[in-house]
């Protein structure tokens, strides 16, 4: 099992799926976040390992 920490919530997610799919499965828009594992940014197509803790950091854009 992996875990995604998003907006203060800890979500248990299955290993072997991408971060993008795990975020979509939990009702969030994946393009709204930057993803980090062990303090390093990773792309949303990264497959979640077992165990893994992914931190999703909300990004803001605009002008």
PDB file of N, CA and C in Angstrom:
ATOM      1  N   UNK A   1       0.849  -1.191   0.000  1.00  0.00           N
ATOM      2  CA  UNK A   1       0.000   0.000   0.000  1.00  0.00           C
ATOM      3  C   UNK A   1       0.885   1.242   0.000  1.00  0.00           C
ATOM      4  N   UNK A   2       0.395   2.253  -0.669  1.00  0.00           N
ATOM      5  CA  UNK A   2       1.047   3.540  -0.641  1.00  0.00           C
ATOM      6  C   UNK A   2       0.139   4.548   0.029  1.00  0.00           C
ATOM      7  N   UNK A   3       0.650   5.732   0.204  1.00  0.00           N
ATOM      8  CA  UNK A   3      -0.132   6.799   0.808  1.00  0.00           C
ATOM      9  C   UNK A   3       0.146   8.098   0.072  1.00  0.00           C
ATOM     10  N   UNK A   4      -0.913   8.879  -0.123  1.00  0.00           N
ATOM     11  CA  UNK A   4      -0.775  10.223  -0.664  1.00  0.00           C
ATOM     12  C   UNK A   4      -1.264  11.187   0.401  1.00  0.00           C
ATOM     13  N   UNK A   5      -0.427  12.159   0.705  1.00  0.00           N
ATOM     14  CA  UNK A   5      -0.829  13.215   1.631  1.00  0.00           C
ATOM     15  C   UNK A   5      -1.211  14.411   0.771  1.00  0.00           C
ATOM     16  N   UNK A   6      -2.489  14.764   0.821  1.00  0.00           N
ATOM     17  CA  UNK A   6      -3.021  15.821  -0.030  1.00  0.00           C
ATOM     18  C   UNK A   6      -3.930  16.725   0.787  1.00  0.00           C
ATOM     19  N   UNK A   7      -3.586  17.988   0.829  1.00  0.00           N
ATOM     20  CA  UNK A   7      -4.380  18.997   1.546  1.00  0.00           C
ATOM     21  C   UNK A   7      -4.649  18.566   2.992  1.00  0.00           C
ATOM     22  N   UNK A   8      -3.625  18.002   3.649  1.00  0.00           N
ATOM     23  CA  UNK A   8      -3.739  17.611   5.043  1.00  0.00           C
ATOM     24  C   UNK A   8      -4.403  16.268   5.288  1.00  0.00           C
ATOM     25  N   UNK A   9      -4.840  15.597   4.234  1.00  0.00           N
ATOM     26  CA  UNK A   9      -5.493  14.293   4.371  1.00  0.00           C
ATOM     27  C   UNK A   9      -4.529  13.198   3.948  1.00  0.00           C
ATOM     28  N   UNK A  10      -4.549  12.086   4.668  1.00  0.00           N
ATOM     29  CA  UNK A  10      -3.752  10.924   4.303  1.00  0.00           C
ATOM     30  C   UNK A  10      -4.666   9.922   3.606  1.00  0.00           C
ATOM     31  N   UNK A  11      -4.385   9.651   2.348  1.00  0.00           N
ATOM     32  CA  UNK A  11      -5.193   8.730   1.559  1.00  0.00           C
ATOM     33  C   UNK A  11      -4.412   7.451   1.314  1.00  0.00           C
ATOM     34  N   UNK A  12      -4.958   6.318   1.704  1.00  0.00           N
ATOM     35  CA  UNK A  12      -4.335   5.027   1.404  1.00  0.00           C
ATOM     36  C   UNK A  12      -4.663   4.689  -0.051  1.00  0.00           C
ATOM     37  N   UNK A  13      -3.634   4.364  -0.810  1.00  0.00           N
ATOM     38  CA  UNK A  13      -3.823   4.006  -2.214  1.00  0.00           C
ATOM     39  C   UNK A  13      -3.074   2.713  -2.505  1.00  0.00           C
ATOM     40  N   UNK A  14      -3.543   1.994  -3.488  1.00  0.00           N
ATOM     41  CA  UNK A  14      -2.885   0.756  -3.873  1.00  0.00           C
ATOM     42  C   UNK A  14      -1.553   1.019  -4.545  1.00  0.00           C
ATOM     43  N   UNK A  15      -0.623   0.104  -4.391  1.00  0.00           N
ATOM     44  CA  UNK A  15       0.639   0.229  -5.108  1.00  0.00           C
ATOM     45  C   UNK A  15       0.433  -0.305  -6.525  1.00  0.00           C
ATOM     46  N   UNK A  16       1.313   0.114  -7.425  1.00  0.00           N
ATOM     47  CA  UNK A  16       1.238  -0.360  -8.803  1.00  0.00           C
ATOM     48  C   UNK A  16       0.395   0.505  -9.724  1.00  0.00           C
ATOM     49  N   UNK A  17      -0.199   1.583  -9.195  1.00  0.00           N
ATOM     50  CA  UNK A  17      -0.924   2.521 -10.055  1.00  0.00           C
ATOM     51  C   UNK A  17      -0.159   3.837 -10.074  1.00  0.00           C
ATOM     52  N   UNK A  18      -0.460   4.664 -11.057  1.00  0.00           N
ATOM     53  CA  UNK A  18       0.239   5.943 -11.145  1.00  0.00           C
ATOM     54  C   UNK A  18      -0.335   6.934 -10.137  1.00  0.00           C
ATOM     55  N   UNK A  19       0.472   7.919  -9.815  1.00  0.00           N
ATOM     56  CA  UNK A  19       0.015   8.990  -8.938  1.00  0.00           C
ATOM     57  C   UNK A  19      -1.206   9.654  -9.556  1.00  0.00           C
ATOM     58  N   UNK A  20      -1.157   9.898 -10.854  1.00  0.00           N
ATOM     59  CA  UNK A  20      -2.275  10.544 -11.552  1.00  0.00           C
ATOM     60  C   UNK A  20      -3.576   9.775 -11.350  1.00  0.00           C
ATOM     61  N   UNK A  21      -3.534   8.452 -11.519  1.00  0.00           N
ATOM     62  CA  UNK A  21      -4.745   7.653 -11.371  1.00  0.00           C
ATOM     63  C   UNK A  21      -5.240   7.664  -9.933  1.00  0.00           C
ATOM     64  N   UNK A  22      -4.332   7.596  -8.971  1.00  0.00           N
ATOM     65  CA  UNK A  22      -4.725   7.630  -7.559  1.00  0.00           C
ATOM     66  C   UNK A  22      -5.398   8.956  -7.213  1.00  0.00           C
ATOM     67  N   UNK A  23      -4.875  10.051  -7.765  1.00  0.00           N
ATOM     68  CA  UNK A  23      -5.462  11.374  -7.506  1.00  0.00           C
ATOM     69  C   UNK A  23      -6.852  11.457  -8.137  1.00  0.00           C
ATOM     70  N   UNK A  24      -6.977  11.007  -9.381  1.00  0.00           N
ATOM     71  CA  UNK A  24      -8.282  11.009 -10.048  1.00  0.00           C
ATOM     72  C   UNK A  24      -9.294  10.147  -9.299  1.00  0.00           C
ATOM     73  N   UNK A  25      -8.862   8.973  -8.833  1.00  0.00           N
ATOM     74  CA  UNK A  25      -9.750   8.060  -8.108  1.00  0.00           C
ATOM     75  C   UNK A  25     -10.288   8.679  -6.818  1.00  0.00           C
ATOM     76  N   UNK A  26      -9.568   9.665  -6.287  1.00  0.00           N
ATOM     77  CA  UNK A  26      -9.987  10.313  -5.042  1.00  0.00           C
ATOM     78  C   UNK A  26     -10.657  11.665  -5.272  1.00  0.00           C
ATOM     79  N   UNK A  27     -10.996  11.957  -6.537  1.00  0.00           N
ATOM     80  CA  UNK A  27     -11.799  13.130  -6.848  1.00  0.00           C
ATOM     81  C   UNK A  27     -11.056  14.445  -6.971  1.00  0.00           C
ATOM     82  N   UNK A  28      -9.738  14.389  -7.150  1.00  0.00           N
ATOM     83  CA  UNK A  28      -8.951  15.612  -7.308  1.00  0.00           C
ATOM     84  C   UNK A  28      -8.479  15.731  -8.752  1.00  0.00           C
ATOM     85  N   UNK A  29      -8.114  16.938  -9.149  1.00  0.00           N
ATOM     86  CA  UNK A  29      -7.583  17.193 -10.484  1.00  0.00           C
ATOM     87  C   UNK A  29      -6.062  17.129 -10.406  1.00  0.00           C
ATOM     88  N   UNK A  30      -5.421  16.171 -11.064  1.00  0.00           N
ATOM     89  CA  UNK A  30      -3.983  15.961 -10.888  1.00  0.00           C
ATOM     90  C   UNK A  30      -3.097  17.117 -11.325  1.00  0.00           C
ATOM     91  N   UNK A  31      -3.554  17.946 -12.263  1.00  0.00           N
ATOM     92  CA  UNK A  31      -2.731  19.068 -12.717  1.00  0.00           C
ATOM     93  C   UNK A  31      -2.631  20.188 -11.689  1.00  0.00           C
ATOM     94  N   UNK A  32      -3.372  20.097 -10.606  1.00  0.00           N
ATOM     95  CA  UNK A  32      -3.387  21.147  -9.591  1.00  0.00           C
ATOM     96  C   UNK A  32      -2.302  20.971  -8.529  1.00  0.00           C
ATOM     97  N   UNK A  33      -1.481  19.930  -8.658  1.00  0.00           N
ATOM     98  CA  UNK A  33      -0.526  19.607  -7.605  1.00  0.00           C
ATOM     99  C   UNK A  33       0.862  19.309  -8.157  1.00  0.00           C
ATOM    100  N   UNK A  34       1.853  19.531  -7.299  1.00  0.00           N
ATOM    101  CA  UNK A  34       3.223  19.093  -7.523  1.00  0.00           C
ATOM    102  C   UNK A  34       3.406  17.889  -6.606  1.00  0.00           C
ATOM    103  N   UNK A  35       4.041  16.834  -7.089  1.00  0.00           N
ATOM    104  CA  UNK A  35       4.162  15.591  -6.329  1.00  0.00           C
ATOM    105  C   UNK A  35       5.605  15.358  -5.916  1.00  0.00           C
ATOM    106  N   UNK A  36       5.778  14.940  -4.658  1.00  0.00           N
ATOM    107  CA  UNK A  36       7.115  14.707  -4.129  1.00  0.00           C
ATOM    108  C   UNK A  36       7.163  13.375  -3.396  1.00  0.00           C
ATOM    109  N   UNK A  37       8.259  12.652  -3.605  1.00  0.00           N
ATOM    110  CA  UNK A  37       8.558  11.428  -2.865  1.00  0.00           C
ATOM    111  C   UNK A  37       9.961  11.604  -2.299  1.00  0.00           C
ATOM    112  N   UNK A  38      10.087  11.438  -0.987  1.00  0.00           N
ATOM    113  CA  UNK A  38      11.378  11.609  -0.301  1.00  0.00           C
ATOM    114  C   UNK A  38      12.004  12.968  -0.591  1.00  0.00           C
ATOM    115  N   UNK A  39      11.172  14.006  -0.661  1.00  0.00           N
ATOM    116  CA  UNK A  39      11.664  15.366  -0.859  1.00  0.00           C
ATOM    117  C   UNK A  39      12.065  15.707  -2.276  1.00  0.00           C
ATOM    118  N   UNK A  40      11.806  14.802  -3.212  1.00  0.00           N
ATOM    119  CA  UNK A  40      12.169  15.046  -4.618  1.00  0.00           C
ATOM    120  C   UNK A  40      10.915  15.102  -5.471  1.00  0.00           C
ATOM    121  N   UNK A  41      10.838  16.077  -6.371  1.00  0.00           N
ATOM    122  CA  UNK A  41       9.675  16.135  -7.262  1.00  0.00           C
ATOM    123  C   UNK A  41       9.674  14.948  -8.222  1.00  0.00           C
ATOM    124  N   UNK A  42       8.479  14.429  -8.464  1.00  0.00           N
ATOM    125  CA  UNK A  42       8.309  13.309  -9.395  1.00  0.00           C
ATOM    126  C   UNK A  42       7.140  13.620 -10.322  1.00  0.00           C
ATOM    127  N   UNK A  43       7.160  13.094 -11.551  1.00  0.00           N
ATOM    128  CA  UNK A  43       6.033  13.324 -12.466  1.00  0.00           C
ATOM    129  C   UNK A  43       4.805  12.535 -12.036  1.00  0.00           C
ATOM    130  N   UNK A  44       3.642  12.984 -12.470  1.00  0.00           N
ATOM    131  CA  UNK A  44       2.394  12.331 -12.068  1.00  0.00           C
ATOM    132  C   UNK A  44       2.224  10.950 -12.685  1.00  0.00           C
ATOM    133  N   UNK A  45       3.036  10.591 -13.683  1.00  0.00           N
ATOM    134  CA  UNK A  45       2.941   9.244 -14.238  1.00  0.00           C
ATOM    135  C   UNK A  45       3.832   8.243 -13.509  1.00  0.00           C
ATOM    136  N   UNK A  46       4.394   8.665 -12.367  1.00  0.00           N
ATOM    137  CA  UNK A  46       5.196   7.778 -11.532  1.00  0.00           C
ATOM    138  C   UNK A  46       4.302   6.700 -10.924  1.00  0.00           C
ATOM    139  N   UNK A  47       4.753   5.451 -10.998  1.00  0.00           N
ATOM    140  CA  UNK A  47       4.014   4.339 -10.398  1.00  0.00           C
ATOM    141  C   UNK A  47       4.312   4.320  -8.900  1.00  0.00           C
ATOM    142  N   UNK A  48       3.264   4.220  -8.107  1.00  0.00           N
ATOM    143  CA  UNK A  48       3.412   4.227  -6.652  1.00  0.00           C
ATOM    144  C   UNK A  48       3.942   2.869  -6.204  1.00  0.00           C
ATOM    145  N   UNK A  49       5.056   2.907  -5.477  1.00  0.00           N
ATOM    146  CA  UNK A  49       5.671   1.683  -4.980  1.00  0.00           C
ATOM    147  C   UNK A  49       5.061   1.261  -3.650  1.00  0.00           C
ATOM    148  N   UNK A  50       5.635   0.220  -3.076  1.00  0.00           N
ATOM    149  CA  UNK A  50       5.133  -0.312  -1.811  1.00  0.00           C
ATOM    150  C   UNK A  50       6.296  -0.455  -0.849  1.00  0.00           C
ATOM    151  N   UNK A  51       6.385   0.275   0.204  1.00  0.00           N
ATOM    152  CA  UNK A  51       5.519   1.394   0.571  1.00  0.00           C
ATOM    153  C   UNK A  51       6.052   2.687  -0.040  1.00  0.00           C
ATOM    154  N   UNK A  52       5.205   3.631  -0.229  1.00  0.00           N
ATOM    155  CA  UNK A  52       5.610   4.943  -0.715  1.00  0.00           C
ATOM    156  C   UNK A  52       4.697   5.990  -0.091  1.00  0.00           C
ATOM    157  N   UNK A  53       5.285   7.126   0.212  1.00  0.00           N
ATOM    158  CA  UNK A  53       4.499   8.263   0.689  1.00  0.00           C
ATOM    159  C   UNK A  53       4.703   9.376  -0.319  1.00  0.00           C
ATOM    160  N   UNK A  54       3.613   9.776  -0.945  1.00  0.00           N
ATOM    161  CA  UNK A  54       3.637  10.843  -1.943  1.00  0.00           C
ATOM    162  C   UNK A  54       3.010  12.081  -1.300  1.00  0.00           C
ATOM    163  N   UNK A  55       3.723  13.196  -1.351  1.00  0.00           N
ATOM    164  CA  UNK A  55       3.139  14.447  -0.874  1.00  0.00           C
ATOM    165  C   UNK A  55       2.682  15.234  -2.089  1.00  0.00           C
ATOM    166  N   UNK A  56       1.410  15.639  -2.055  1.00  0.00           N
ATOM    167  CA  UNK A  56       0.838  16.446  -3.133  1.00  0.00           C
ATOM    168  C   UNK A  56       0.754  17.881  -2.618  1.00  0.00           C
ATOM    169  N   UNK A  57       1.453  18.769  -3.303  1.00  0.00           N
ATOM    170  CA  UNK A  57       1.496  20.172  -2.904  1.00  0.00           C
ATOM    171  C   UNK A  57       0.717  20.981  -3.917  1.00  0.00           C
ATOM    172  N   UNK A  58      -0.282  21.692  -3.440  1.00  0.00           N
ATOM    173  CA  UNK A  58      -1.132  22.490  -4.334  1.00  0.00           C
ATOM    174  C   UNK A  58      -0.311  23.616  -4.948  1.00  0.00           C
ATOM    175  N   UNK A  59      -0.478  23.801  -6.240  1.00  0.00           N
ATOM    176  CA  UNK A  59       0.214  24.876  -6.938  1.00  0.00           C
ATOM    177  C   UNK A  59      -0.793  25.936  -7.342  1.00  0.00           C
ATOM    178  N   UNK A  60      -0.334  27.158  -7.382  1.00  0.00           N
ATOM    179  CA  UNK A  60      -1.190  28.269  -7.805  1.00  0.00           C
ATOM    180  C   UNK A  60      -0.551  28.890  -9.044  1.00  0.00           C
ATOM    181  N   UNK A  61      -1.396  29.310  -9.946  1.00  0.00           N
ATOM    182  CA  UNK A  61      -0.892  29.979 -11.144  1.00  0.00           C
ATOM    183  C   UNK A  61      -1.841  31.104 -11.487  1.00  0.00           C
ATOM    184  N   UNK A  62      -1.379  31.938 -12.333  1.00  0.00           N
ATOM    185  CA  UNK A  62      -2.207  33.062 -12.741  1.00  0.00           C
ATOM    186  C   UNK A  62      -1.387  34.331 -12.775  1.00  0.00           C
ATOM    187  N   UNK A  63      -2.056  35.396 -12.997  1.00  0.00           N
ATOM    188  CA  UNK A  63      -1.290  36.626 -13.126  1.00  0.00           C
ATOM    189  C   UNK A  63      -1.930  37.782 -12.486  1.00  0.00           C
TER     190      UNK A  63
END
